[in-house]
């Protein structure tokens, strides 16, 4: 039996879709479960994040968790921090994402960051009162890819759902970061972090 729920999500809110399968988190009509979020800029990502890190995903645990809206599966992934660009998370940090597999039940959440084991990524992370999450979900997760030239570049998180534009001159963080070299992205993040202080 498959269950799909739809909610409307705004930039940092919860996702708009949850797909449940008794066998796999990726089985079924993916296109029928589309998340909707509002584009976020690099300044907003940096300003909303407690940490920005380059890290490698290692240990991962999925479990059922009770929420005010019912039970759902969440996954905790340990990130081994290679470089801290913003904040001081320590040498490792556990990050909570929505979805995962527990026993024979899988939940896939469109628009959530998909952090693969062994993957090296640039991540924007936000502390909550109880855990650490990826800021703006998939818009805060950028896998680091090795290139033929040996210069690491950033890719987009596998499933960002539907990202709506908004009025105003704001440029999406994804436009700045996807395809950028890691070093250029770090420089842009450091500049975004300095900018509010320089305007004071």
N, C-alpha and C. Protein backbone atom coordinates (compact mmCIF):
# COMPACT_ATOMS: atom_id res chain seq x y z
N UNK A 1 0.84 -1.19 0.00
CA UNK A 1 0.00 0.00 0.00
C UNK A 1 0.87 1.24 0.00
N UNK A 2 0.53 2.21 -0.81
CA UNK A 2 1.31 3.43 -0.88
C UNK A 2 0.50 4.59 -0.34
N UNK A 3 1.18 5.45 0.40
CA UNK A 3 0.51 6.62 0.96
C UNK A 3 1.26 7.85 0.51
N UNK A 4 0.57 8.84 -0.03
CA UNK A 4 1.21 10.09 -0.43
C UNK A 4 0.51 11.24 0.25
N UNK A 5 1.29 12.13 0.83
CA UNK A 5 0.70 13.30 1.47
C UNK A 5 1.30 14.53 0.84
N UNK A 6 0.51 15.57 0.65
CA UNK A 6 1.01 16.80 0.03
C UNK A 6 0.80 17.97 0.96
N UNK A 7 1.85 18.75 1.15
CA UNK A 7 1.82 19.98 1.94
C UNK A 7 2.52 21.05 1.12
N UNK A 8 2.24 22.29 1.38
CA UNK A 8 2.93 23.38 0.70
C UNK A 8 4.09 23.83 1.56
N UNK A 9 5.30 23.91 0.96
CA UNK A 9 6.49 24.28 1.72
C UNK A 9 7.02 25.60 1.20
N UNK A 10 7.42 26.47 2.10
CA UNK A 10 8.07 27.72 1.75
C UNK A 10 9.50 27.66 2.22
N UNK A 11 10.41 28.14 1.47
CA UNK A 11 11.85 28.09 1.60
C UNK A 11 12.40 27.15 2.66
N UNK A 12 12.22 27.42 3.96
CA UNK A 12 12.82 26.60 5.00
C UNK A 12 11.80 25.69 5.66
N UNK A 13 10.59 25.58 5.09
CA UNK A 13 9.54 24.78 5.73
C UNK A 13 9.68 23.32 5.35
N UNK A 14 8.73 22.50 5.83
CA UNK A 14 8.75 21.08 5.54
C UNK A 14 8.41 20.84 4.09
N UNK A 15 8.76 19.63 3.59
CA UNK A 15 8.54 19.33 2.18
C UNK A 15 7.06 19.16 1.85
N UNK A 16 6.78 19.17 0.56
CA UNK A 16 5.39 19.08 0.13
C UNK A 16 4.95 17.67 -0.15
N UNK A 17 5.86 16.69 -0.13
CA UNK A 17 5.43 15.36 -0.52
C UNK A 17 6.17 14.29 0.23
N UNK A 18 5.44 13.23 0.53
CA UNK A 18 6.01 12.08 1.22
C UNK A 18 5.49 10.85 0.53
N UNK A 19 6.39 9.98 0.08
CA UNK A 19 6.00 8.77 -0.60
C UNK A 19 6.40 7.59 0.27
N UNK A 20 5.45 6.69 0.55
CA UNK A 20 5.71 5.54 1.40
C UNK A 20 5.57 4.27 0.59
N UNK A 21 6.54 3.38 0.68
CA UNK A 21 6.50 2.10 -0.01
C UNK A 21 6.88 1.00 0.97
N UNK A 22 6.26 -0.16 0.88
CA UNK A 22 6.63 -1.24 1.77
C UNK A 22 7.93 -1.92 1.37
N UNK A 23 8.49 -1.53 0.23
CA UNK A 23 9.70 -2.21 -0.23
C UNK A 23 10.89 -1.28 -0.45
N UNK A 24 10.67 -0.16 -1.06
CA UNK A 24 11.79 0.71 -1.43
C UNK A 24 11.37 2.16 -1.34
N UNK A 25 12.33 3.05 -0.92
CA UNK A 25 11.99 4.47 -0.86
C UNK A 25 11.93 5.12 -2.23
N UNK A 26 12.29 4.39 -3.30
CA UNK A 26 12.32 5.00 -4.63
C UNK A 26 11.44 4.26 -5.62
N UNK A 27 10.48 3.47 -5.13
CA UNK A 27 9.59 2.74 -6.00
C UNK A 27 8.33 3.55 -6.24
N UNK A 28 7.78 3.46 -7.43
CA UNK A 28 6.49 4.12 -7.65
C UNK A 28 6.61 5.38 -8.48
N UNK A 29 5.50 6.06 -8.69
CA UNK A 29 5.43 7.22 -9.59
C UNK A 29 6.03 8.47 -8.96
N UNK A 30 7.32 8.63 -9.13
CA UNK A 30 8.02 9.75 -8.52
C UNK A 30 7.42 11.09 -8.91
N UNK A 31 7.00 11.22 -10.17
CA UNK A 31 6.48 12.49 -10.64
C UNK A 31 5.18 12.89 -9.94
N UNK A 32 4.50 11.94 -9.30
CA UNK A 32 3.23 12.25 -8.64
C UNK A 32 3.43 12.89 -7.28
N UNK A 33 4.68 12.95 -6.82
CA UNK A 33 4.96 13.48 -5.48
C UNK A 33 5.99 14.58 -5.59
N UNK A 34 5.55 15.76 -5.97
CA UNK A 34 6.48 16.86 -6.21
C UNK A 34 6.44 17.87 -5.08
N UNK A 35 7.62 18.19 -4.55
CA UNK A 35 7.71 19.20 -3.50
C UNK A 35 7.72 20.59 -4.13
N UNK A 36 7.24 21.55 -3.40
CA UNK A 36 7.24 22.93 -3.86
C UNK A 36 7.92 23.78 -2.80
N UNK A 37 8.94 24.54 -3.19
CA UNK A 37 9.62 25.44 -2.27
C UNK A 37 9.95 26.72 -3.00
N UNK A 38 10.29 27.74 -2.26
CA UNK A 38 10.64 29.03 -2.84
C UNK A 38 12.15 29.15 -2.90
N UNK A 39 12.65 29.69 -3.98
CA UNK A 39 14.09 29.82 -4.16
C UNK A 39 14.72 30.62 -3.02
N UNK A 40 15.92 30.20 -2.60
CA UNK A 40 16.67 30.94 -1.59
C UNK A 40 17.98 31.42 -2.19
N UNK A 41 18.42 32.59 -1.78
CA UNK A 41 19.68 33.15 -2.26
C UNK A 41 20.84 32.65 -1.41
N UNK A 42 22.04 32.87 -1.88
CA UNK A 42 23.22 32.48 -1.12
C UNK A 42 23.29 33.26 0.19
N UNK A 43 22.96 34.55 0.15
CA UNK A 43 22.95 35.35 1.38
C UNK A 43 21.98 34.76 2.41
N UNK A 44 20.80 34.33 1.94
CA UNK A 44 19.81 33.75 2.86
C UNK A 44 20.28 32.42 3.42
N UNK A 45 20.89 31.60 2.56
CA UNK A 45 21.41 30.31 3.03
C UNK A 45 22.47 30.52 4.12
N UNK A 46 23.40 31.40 3.85
CA UNK A 46 24.48 31.66 4.82
C UNK A 46 23.90 32.25 6.10
N UNK A 47 22.99 33.23 5.96
CA UNK A 47 22.41 33.89 7.12
C UNK A 47 21.56 32.97 7.98
N UNK A 48 20.97 31.93 7.38
CA UNK A 48 20.11 31.00 8.11
C UNK A 48 20.86 29.79 8.66
N UNK A 49 22.14 29.67 8.34
CA UNK A 49 22.90 28.48 8.71
C UNK A 49 23.77 28.71 9.95
N UNK A 50 23.79 27.70 10.80
CA UNK A 50 24.70 27.71 11.95
C UNK A 50 26.10 27.32 11.50
N UNK A 51 26.16 26.41 10.53
CA UNK A 51 27.45 25.93 10.01
C UNK A 51 27.37 25.80 8.49
N UNK A 52 28.52 25.99 7.85
CA UNK A 52 28.68 25.61 6.45
C UNK A 52 29.96 24.79 6.41
N UNK A 53 29.86 23.55 5.93
CA UNK A 53 31.00 22.65 6.00
C UNK A 53 31.22 21.91 4.69
N UNK A 54 32.45 21.49 4.49
CA UNK A 54 32.78 20.48 3.49
C UNK A 54 33.00 19.21 4.31
N UNK A 55 32.22 18.17 4.01
CA UNK A 55 32.27 16.99 4.86
C UNK A 55 31.98 15.74 4.06
N UNK A 56 32.37 14.60 4.63
CA UNK A 56 32.11 13.30 4.02
C UNK A 56 31.12 12.54 4.88
N UNK A 57 30.09 11.98 4.23
CA UNK A 57 29.07 11.22 4.95
C UNK A 57 29.61 9.85 5.31
N UNK A 58 29.42 9.45 6.57
CA UNK A 58 29.89 8.14 6.99
C UNK A 58 28.73 7.32 7.54
N UNK A 59 28.64 7.17 8.83
CA UNK A 59 27.60 6.34 9.44
C UNK A 59 26.21 6.93 9.21
N UNK A 60 25.21 6.02 9.08
CA UNK A 60 23.85 6.48 8.83
C UNK A 60 22.86 5.55 9.53
N UNK A 61 21.84 6.15 10.17
CA UNK A 61 20.82 5.37 10.87
C UNK A 61 19.44 5.95 10.56
N UNK A 62 18.53 5.08 10.14
CA UNK A 62 17.15 5.50 9.90
C UNK A 62 16.25 4.93 11.00
N UNK A 63 15.23 5.68 11.38
CA UNK A 63 14.35 5.26 12.46
C UNK A 63 13.00 5.95 12.34
N UNK A 64 11.99 5.37 13.01
CA UNK A 64 10.69 6.02 13.12
C UNK A 64 10.76 7.11 14.16
N UNK A 65 10.09 8.21 13.90
CA UNK A 65 10.08 9.32 14.85
C UNK A 65 8.65 9.87 14.94
N UNK A 66 8.21 10.13 16.18
CA UNK A 66 6.88 10.70 16.39
C UNK A 66 6.94 12.21 16.25
N UNK A 67 5.97 12.77 15.54
CA UNK A 67 5.89 14.22 15.35
C UNK A 67 4.45 14.64 15.63
N UNK A 68 4.19 15.94 15.75
CA UNK A 68 2.80 16.39 15.94
C UNK A 68 1.87 15.97 14.82
N UNK A 69 2.43 15.68 13.63
CA UNK A 69 1.62 15.26 12.48
C UNK A 69 1.59 13.75 12.29
N UNK A 70 2.13 12.99 13.25
CA UNK A 70 2.14 11.53 13.13
C UNK A 70 3.56 10.99 13.06
N UNK A 71 3.67 9.68 12.80
CA UNK A 71 4.98 9.04 12.73
C UNK A 71 5.55 9.13 11.32
N UNK A 72 6.85 9.26 11.23
CA UNK A 72 7.51 9.24 9.94
C UNK A 72 8.93 8.73 10.13
N UNK A 73 9.56 8.36 9.03
CA UNK A 73 10.93 7.88 9.07
C UNK A 73 11.88 9.06 8.86
N UNK A 74 12.91 9.11 9.68
CA UNK A 74 13.96 10.10 9.52
C UNK A 74 15.30 9.37 9.49
N UNK A 75 16.29 10.02 8.92
CA UNK A 75 17.63 9.44 8.84
C UNK A 75 18.63 10.38 9.47
N UNK A 76 19.49 9.83 10.32
CA UNK A 76 20.58 10.60 10.91
C UNK A 76 21.87 10.15 10.25
N UNK A 77 22.61 11.09 9.70
CA UNK A 77 23.86 10.82 9.00
C UNK A 77 25.00 11.54 9.71
N UNK A 78 26.06 10.80 9.98
CA UNK A 78 27.24 11.44 10.59
C UNK A 78 28.12 12.00 9.48
N UNK A 79 28.41 13.29 9.59
CA UNK A 79 29.30 13.96 8.64
C UNK A 79 30.66 14.15 9.29
N UNK A 80 31.69 13.65 8.66
CA UNK A 80 33.05 13.88 9.12
C UNK A 80 33.54 15.16 8.45
N UNK A 81 33.75 16.18 9.26
CA UNK A 81 34.04 17.52 8.74
C UNK A 81 35.48 17.63 8.25
N UNK A 82 35.61 17.98 6.99
CA UNK A 82 36.92 18.19 6.38
C UNK A 82 37.35 19.66 6.51
N UNK A 83 36.39 20.54 6.31
CA UNK A 83 36.65 21.98 6.40
C UNK A 83 35.41 22.70 6.88
N UNK A 84 35.56 23.57 7.84
CA UNK A 84 34.46 24.39 8.31
C UNK A 84 34.60 25.78 7.70
N UNK A 85 33.61 26.17 6.93
CA UNK A 85 33.63 27.48 6.26
C UNK A 85 32.96 28.53 7.14
N UNK A 86 31.88 28.14 7.82
CA UNK A 86 31.15 29.01 8.74
C UNK A 86 30.85 28.21 10.01
N UNK A 87 31.11 28.78 11.17
CA UNK A 87 30.80 28.12 12.43
C UNK A 87 31.83 27.08 12.82
N UNK A 88 31.61 26.48 13.99
CA UNK A 88 32.54 25.49 14.52
C UNK A 88 31.76 24.26 15.00
N UNK A 89 31.45 23.34 14.08
CA UNK A 89 30.67 22.17 14.46
C UNK A 89 31.48 21.06 15.11
N UNK A 90 32.80 21.17 15.10
CA UNK A 90 33.65 20.09 15.59
C UNK A 90 34.09 19.20 14.44
N UNK A 91 34.71 18.06 14.78
CA UNK A 91 35.24 17.17 13.74
C UNK A 91 34.16 16.34 13.07
N UNK A 92 33.02 16.18 13.72
CA UNK A 92 31.90 15.47 13.10
C UNK A 92 30.59 16.03 13.63
N UNK A 93 29.53 15.83 12.85
CA UNK A 93 28.20 16.33 13.24
C UNK A 93 27.15 15.38 12.68
N UNK A 94 26.13 15.08 13.50
CA UNK A 94 25.01 14.26 13.05
C UNK A 94 23.93 15.17 12.46
N UNK A 95 23.46 14.82 11.27
CA UNK A 95 22.46 15.63 10.57
C UNK A 95 21.20 14.79 10.33
N UNK A 96 20.06 15.38 10.58
CA UNK A 96 18.77 14.70 10.42
C UNK A 96 18.12 15.12 9.11
N UNK A 97 17.75 14.14 8.30
CA UNK A 97 16.98 14.38 7.08
C UNK A 97 15.71 13.56 7.12
N UNK A 98 14.71 13.97 6.37
CA UNK A 98 13.43 13.28 6.32
C UNK A 98 13.48 12.14 5.32
N UNK A 99 12.89 10.99 5.69
CA UNK A 99 12.86 9.83 4.80
C UNK A 99 13.94 8.83 5.16
N UNK A 100 13.85 7.65 4.54
CA UNK A 100 14.80 6.58 4.79
C UNK A 100 14.10 5.24 4.75
N UNK A 101 14.79 4.19 5.19
CA UNK A 101 14.25 2.84 5.18
C UNK A 101 14.40 2.22 6.55
N UNK A 102 13.30 1.71 7.10
CA UNK A 102 13.32 0.97 8.36
C UNK A 102 12.63 -0.36 8.09
N UNK A 103 13.38 -1.46 8.21
CA UNK A 103 12.83 -2.77 7.89
C UNK A 103 12.41 -2.83 6.44
N UNK A 104 11.14 -3.15 6.20
CA UNK A 104 10.63 -3.24 4.83
C UNK A 104 9.86 -1.99 4.40
N UNK A 105 9.90 -0.96 5.23
CA UNK A 105 9.16 0.27 4.90
C UNK A 105 10.15 1.38 4.55
N UNK A 106 9.92 2.02 3.41
CA UNK A 106 10.75 3.14 2.99
C UNK A 106 9.90 4.38 2.78
N UNK A 107 10.45 5.52 3.13
CA UNK A 107 9.79 6.79 2.86
C UNK A 107 10.76 7.68 2.08
N UNK A 108 10.24 8.24 1.02
CA UNK A 108 11.03 9.16 0.20
C UNK A 108 10.36 10.53 0.27
N UNK A 109 11.13 11.55 0.54
CA UNK A 109 10.60 12.90 0.68
C UNK A 109 11.19 13.78 -0.42
N UNK A 110 10.36 14.13 -1.38
CA UNK A 110 10.80 14.99 -2.47
C UNK A 110 11.18 16.35 -1.95
N UNK A 111 12.32 16.88 -2.42
CA UNK A 111 12.79 18.19 -1.99
C UNK A 111 13.76 18.15 -0.83
N UNK A 112 13.93 16.96 -0.22
CA UNK A 112 14.87 16.83 0.90
C UNK A 112 16.28 16.56 0.36
N UNK A 113 17.28 16.96 1.12
CA UNK A 113 18.66 16.65 0.76
C UNK A 113 18.87 15.14 0.82
N UNK A 114 19.51 14.59 -0.19
CA UNK A 114 19.82 13.16 -0.23
C UNK A 114 21.33 13.02 -0.06
N UNK A 115 21.75 12.65 1.15
CA UNK A 115 23.18 12.56 1.47
C UNK A 115 23.59 11.10 1.37
N UNK A 116 24.38 10.77 0.37
CA UNK A 116 24.75 9.37 0.13
C UNK A 116 25.97 8.97 0.95
N UNK A 117 26.00 7.74 1.44
CA UNK A 117 27.17 7.27 2.21
C UNK A 117 28.44 7.39 1.39
N UNK A 118 29.48 7.89 2.02
CA UNK A 118 30.77 8.05 1.35
C UNK A 118 30.87 9.30 0.49
N UNK A 119 29.78 10.04 0.36
CA UNK A 119 29.76 11.22 -0.49
C UNK A 119 30.38 12.43 0.22
N UNK A 120 31.16 13.18 -0.53
CA UNK A 120 31.73 14.43 -0.04
C UNK A 120 30.84 15.56 -0.54
N UNK A 121 30.48 16.47 0.36
CA UNK A 121 29.53 17.53 0.00
C UNK A 121 29.88 18.85 0.67
N UNK A 122 29.37 19.92 0.07
CA UNK A 122 29.32 21.22 0.73
C UNK A 122 27.91 21.32 1.28
N UNK A 123 27.78 21.53 2.60
CA UNK A 123 26.45 21.56 3.22
C UNK A 123 26.26 22.79 4.08
N UNK A 124 25.06 23.35 3.99
CA UNK A 124 24.61 24.44 4.85
C UNK A 124 23.75 23.79 5.93
N UNK A 125 24.13 23.95 7.19
CA UNK A 125 23.47 23.25 8.29
C UNK A 125 22.92 24.23 9.31
N UNK A 126 21.75 23.88 9.86
CA UNK A 126 21.09 24.74 10.84
C UNK A 126 20.78 23.96 12.11
N UNK A 127 21.18 24.51 13.23
CA UNK A 127 20.87 23.90 14.52
C UNK A 127 19.43 24.22 14.90
N UNK A 128 18.71 23.20 15.37
CA UNK A 128 17.38 23.40 15.95
C UNK A 128 17.52 23.07 17.43
N UNK A 129 16.46 23.25 18.22
CA UNK A 129 16.59 22.91 19.65
C UNK A 129 16.95 21.46 19.92
N UNK A 130 16.67 20.55 18.97
CA UNK A 130 16.90 19.13 19.23
C UNK A 130 17.89 18.46 18.30
N UNK A 131 18.22 19.07 17.17
CA UNK A 131 19.08 18.37 16.21
C UNK A 131 19.71 19.37 15.24
N UNK A 132 20.37 18.86 14.20
CA UNK A 132 20.92 19.68 13.13
C UNK A 132 20.30 19.20 11.82
N UNK A 133 19.85 20.14 11.00
CA UNK A 133 19.21 19.81 9.72
C UNK A 133 19.92 20.56 8.60
N UNK A 134 19.63 20.15 7.36
CA UNK A 134 20.18 20.85 6.20
C UNK A 134 19.32 22.08 5.94
N UNK A 135 19.94 23.24 5.92
CA UNK A 135 19.21 24.49 5.68
C UNK A 135 18.53 24.47 4.32
N UNK A 136 17.24 24.77 4.29
CA UNK A 136 16.47 24.81 3.04
C UNK A 136 16.48 23.49 2.30
N UNK A 137 16.69 22.41 3.05
CA UNK A 137 16.62 21.06 2.48
C UNK A 137 17.58 20.90 1.29
N UNK A 138 17.11 20.47 0.13
CA UNK A 138 18.01 20.20 -1.00
C UNK A 138 18.75 21.45 -1.48
N UNK A 139 18.20 22.63 -1.23
CA UNK A 139 18.89 23.86 -1.65
C UNK A 139 20.13 24.15 -0.80
N UNK A 140 20.31 23.38 0.28
CA UNK A 140 21.49 23.56 1.12
C UNK A 140 22.49 22.43 1.03
N UNK A 141 22.37 21.59 0.00
CA UNK A 141 23.24 20.41 -0.15
C UNK A 141 23.84 20.36 -1.55
N UNK A 142 25.19 20.30 -1.63
CA UNK A 142 25.88 20.32 -2.92
C UNK A 142 26.99 19.27 -2.94
N UNK A 143 26.73 18.11 -3.56
CA UNK A 143 27.77 17.09 -3.67
C UNK A 143 29.00 17.64 -4.40
N UNK A 144 30.17 17.21 -3.94
CA UNK A 144 31.43 17.63 -4.56
C UNK A 144 31.86 16.53 -5.53
N UNK A 145 32.00 16.89 -6.80
CA UNK A 145 32.37 15.93 -7.83
C UNK A 145 33.83 16.09 -8.24
N UNK A 146 34.49 14.96 -8.45
CA UNK A 146 35.85 15.00 -8.99
C UNK A 146 35.74 15.18 -10.50
N UNK A 147 36.59 16.01 -11.06
CA UNK A 147 36.58 16.24 -12.51
C UNK A 147 37.83 15.66 -13.15
N UNK A 148 37.82 15.56 -14.46
CA UNK A 148 38.98 15.05 -15.20
C UNK A 148 40.19 15.93 -14.95
N UNK A 149 39.93 17.24 -14.80
CA UNK A 149 41.03 18.18 -14.57
C UNK A 149 41.56 18.11 -13.13
N UNK A 150 40.85 17.38 -12.28
CA UNK A 150 41.29 17.28 -10.88
C UNK A 150 40.83 18.43 -10.02
N UNK A 151 39.95 19.29 -10.55
CA UNK A 151 39.43 20.42 -9.79
C UNK A 151 38.02 20.08 -9.31
N UNK A 152 37.81 19.95 -7.99
CA UNK A 152 36.47 19.58 -7.51
C UNK A 152 35.43 20.65 -7.81
N UNK A 153 34.26 20.19 -8.32
CA UNK A 153 33.17 21.10 -8.64
C UNK A 153 31.90 20.65 -7.92
N UNK A 154 30.96 21.58 -7.76
CA UNK A 154 29.73 21.30 -7.05
C UNK A 154 28.60 20.89 -8.00
N UNK A 155 27.82 19.91 -7.54
CA UNK A 155 26.63 19.48 -8.27
C UNK A 155 25.40 19.81 -7.43
N UNK A 156 24.23 19.69 -8.02
CA UNK A 156 22.99 19.92 -7.29
C UNK A 156 22.61 18.67 -6.50
N UNK A 157 21.91 18.84 -5.39
CA UNK A 157 21.36 17.71 -4.66
C UNK A 157 20.43 16.95 -5.61
N UNK A 158 20.35 15.60 -5.50
CA UNK A 158 19.63 14.81 -6.48
C UNK A 158 18.17 15.18 -6.72
N UNK A 159 17.45 15.63 -5.69
CA UNK A 159 16.03 15.92 -5.88
C UNK A 159 15.63 17.17 -5.12
N UNK A 160 15.55 18.28 -5.82
CA UNK A 160 15.17 19.55 -5.17
C UNK A 160 13.67 19.79 -5.24
N UNK A 161 12.92 18.90 -5.89
CA UNK A 161 11.49 19.15 -6.06
C UNK A 161 11.29 20.33 -7.01
N UNK A 162 10.18 21.02 -6.86
CA UNK A 162 9.89 22.19 -7.68
C UNK A 162 10.27 23.45 -6.91
N UNK A 163 11.14 24.25 -7.50
CA UNK A 163 11.58 25.49 -6.84
C UNK A 163 10.95 26.67 -7.58
N UNK A 164 10.14 27.43 -6.87
CA UNK A 164 9.44 28.56 -7.47
C UNK A 164 10.29 29.82 -7.43
N UNK A 165 10.29 30.60 -8.52
CA UNK A 165 10.98 31.88 -8.48
C UNK A 165 10.19 32.87 -7.63
N UNK A 166 10.80 34.00 -7.33
CA UNK A 166 10.07 35.03 -6.60
C UNK A 166 10.45 36.38 -7.17
N UNK A 167 9.66 37.38 -6.85
CA UNK A 167 9.93 38.72 -7.39
C UNK A 167 11.14 39.32 -6.71
N UNK A 168 11.78 40.24 -7.40
CA UNK A 168 12.95 40.91 -6.82
C UNK A 168 14.23 40.49 -7.52
N UNK A 169 15.34 41.14 -7.18
CA UNK A 169 16.60 40.91 -7.86
C UNK A 169 17.40 39.72 -7.34
N UNK A 170 16.85 38.96 -6.39
CA UNK A 170 17.59 37.87 -5.75
C UNK A 170 18.02 36.79 -6.75
N UNK A 171 19.28 36.34 -6.63
CA UNK A 171 19.80 35.25 -7.46
C UNK A 171 19.82 33.98 -6.61
N UNK A 172 19.33 32.88 -7.16
CA UNK A 172 19.26 31.62 -6.42
C UNK A 172 20.66 31.13 -6.06
N UNK A 173 20.78 30.59 -4.85
CA UNK A 173 22.06 30.01 -4.42
C UNK A 173 22.50 28.92 -5.39
N UNK A 174 21.55 28.14 -5.89
CA UNK A 174 21.89 27.07 -6.82
C UNK A 174 22.54 27.60 -8.10
N UNK A 175 22.09 28.78 -8.54
CA UNK A 175 22.69 29.37 -9.74
C UNK A 175 24.15 29.75 -9.50
N UNK A 176 24.44 30.17 -8.28
CA UNK A 176 25.81 30.57 -7.93
C UNK A 176 26.70 29.34 -7.73
N UNK A 177 26.16 28.30 -7.08
CA UNK A 177 27.00 27.20 -6.61
C UNK A 177 27.12 26.02 -7.56
N UNK A 178 26.03 25.62 -8.22
CA UNK A 178 26.09 24.43 -9.07
C UNK A 178 27.01 24.70 -10.27
N UNK A 179 27.99 23.82 -10.45
CA UNK A 179 28.97 23.98 -11.52
C UNK A 179 30.19 24.78 -11.13
N UNK A 180 30.12 25.43 -9.96
CA UNK A 180 31.25 26.21 -9.46
C UNK A 180 32.33 25.29 -8.91
N UNK A 181 33.59 25.73 -8.95
CA UNK A 181 34.62 24.97 -8.26
C UNK A 181 34.40 25.13 -6.76
N UNK A 182 34.88 24.17 -6.00
CA UNK A 182 34.71 24.22 -4.56
C UNK A 182 35.38 25.46 -3.97
N UNK A 183 36.57 25.79 -4.44
CA UNK A 183 37.28 26.94 -3.90
C UNK A 183 36.54 28.25 -4.20
N UNK A 184 35.96 28.36 -5.40
CA UNK A 184 35.22 29.57 -5.75
C UNK A 184 33.94 29.68 -4.91
N UNK A 185 33.30 28.54 -4.66
CA UNK A 185 32.09 28.54 -3.84
C UNK A 185 32.41 28.97 -2.40
N UNK A 186 33.51 28.48 -1.86
CA UNK A 186 33.89 28.85 -0.49
C UNK A 186 34.17 30.34 -0.40
N UNK A 187 34.82 30.89 -1.42
CA UNK A 187 35.08 32.34 -1.44
C UNK A 187 33.76 33.12 -1.46
N UNK A 188 32.79 32.68 -2.25
CA UNK A 188 31.49 33.36 -2.33
C UNK A 188 30.76 33.29 -0.99
N UNK A 189 30.86 32.16 -0.31
CA UNK A 189 30.21 31.99 1.00
C UNK A 189 30.87 32.91 2.03
N UNK A 190 32.17 32.98 2.02
CA UNK A 190 32.89 33.86 2.97
C UNK A 190 32.53 35.32 2.71
N UNK A 191 32.37 35.69 1.45
CA UNK A 191 31.97 37.07 1.14
C UNK A 191 30.55 37.34 1.61
N UNK A 192 29.66 36.35 1.45
CA UNK A 192 28.27 36.51 1.91
C UNK A 192 28.22 36.63 3.43
N UNK A 193 29.09 35.92 4.11
CA UNK A 193 29.14 35.98 5.57
C UNK A 193 29.63 37.34 6.06
N UNK A 194 30.59 37.91 5.33
CA UNK A 194 31.15 39.23 5.71
C UNK A 194 30.21 40.37 5.38
N UNK A 195 29.40 40.22 4.35
CA UNK A 195 28.59 41.33 3.82
C UNK A 195 27.71 42.00 4.87
N UNK A 196 26.95 41.27 5.71
CA UNK A 196 26.10 41.97 6.69
C UNK A 196 26.90 42.83 7.67
N UNK A 197 28.09 42.38 8.07
CA UNK A 197 28.93 43.15 8.98
C UNK A 197 29.45 44.41 8.32
N UNK A 198 29.77 44.30 7.03
CA UNK A 198 30.33 45.44 6.30
C UNK A 198 29.26 46.52 6.06
N UNK A 199 27.96 46.10 6.04
CA UNK A 199 26.89 47.06 5.81
C UNK A 199 26.54 47.86 7.08
N UNK A 200 27.00 47.38 8.24
CA UNK A 200 26.66 48.04 9.50
C UNK A 200 27.44 49.35 9.65
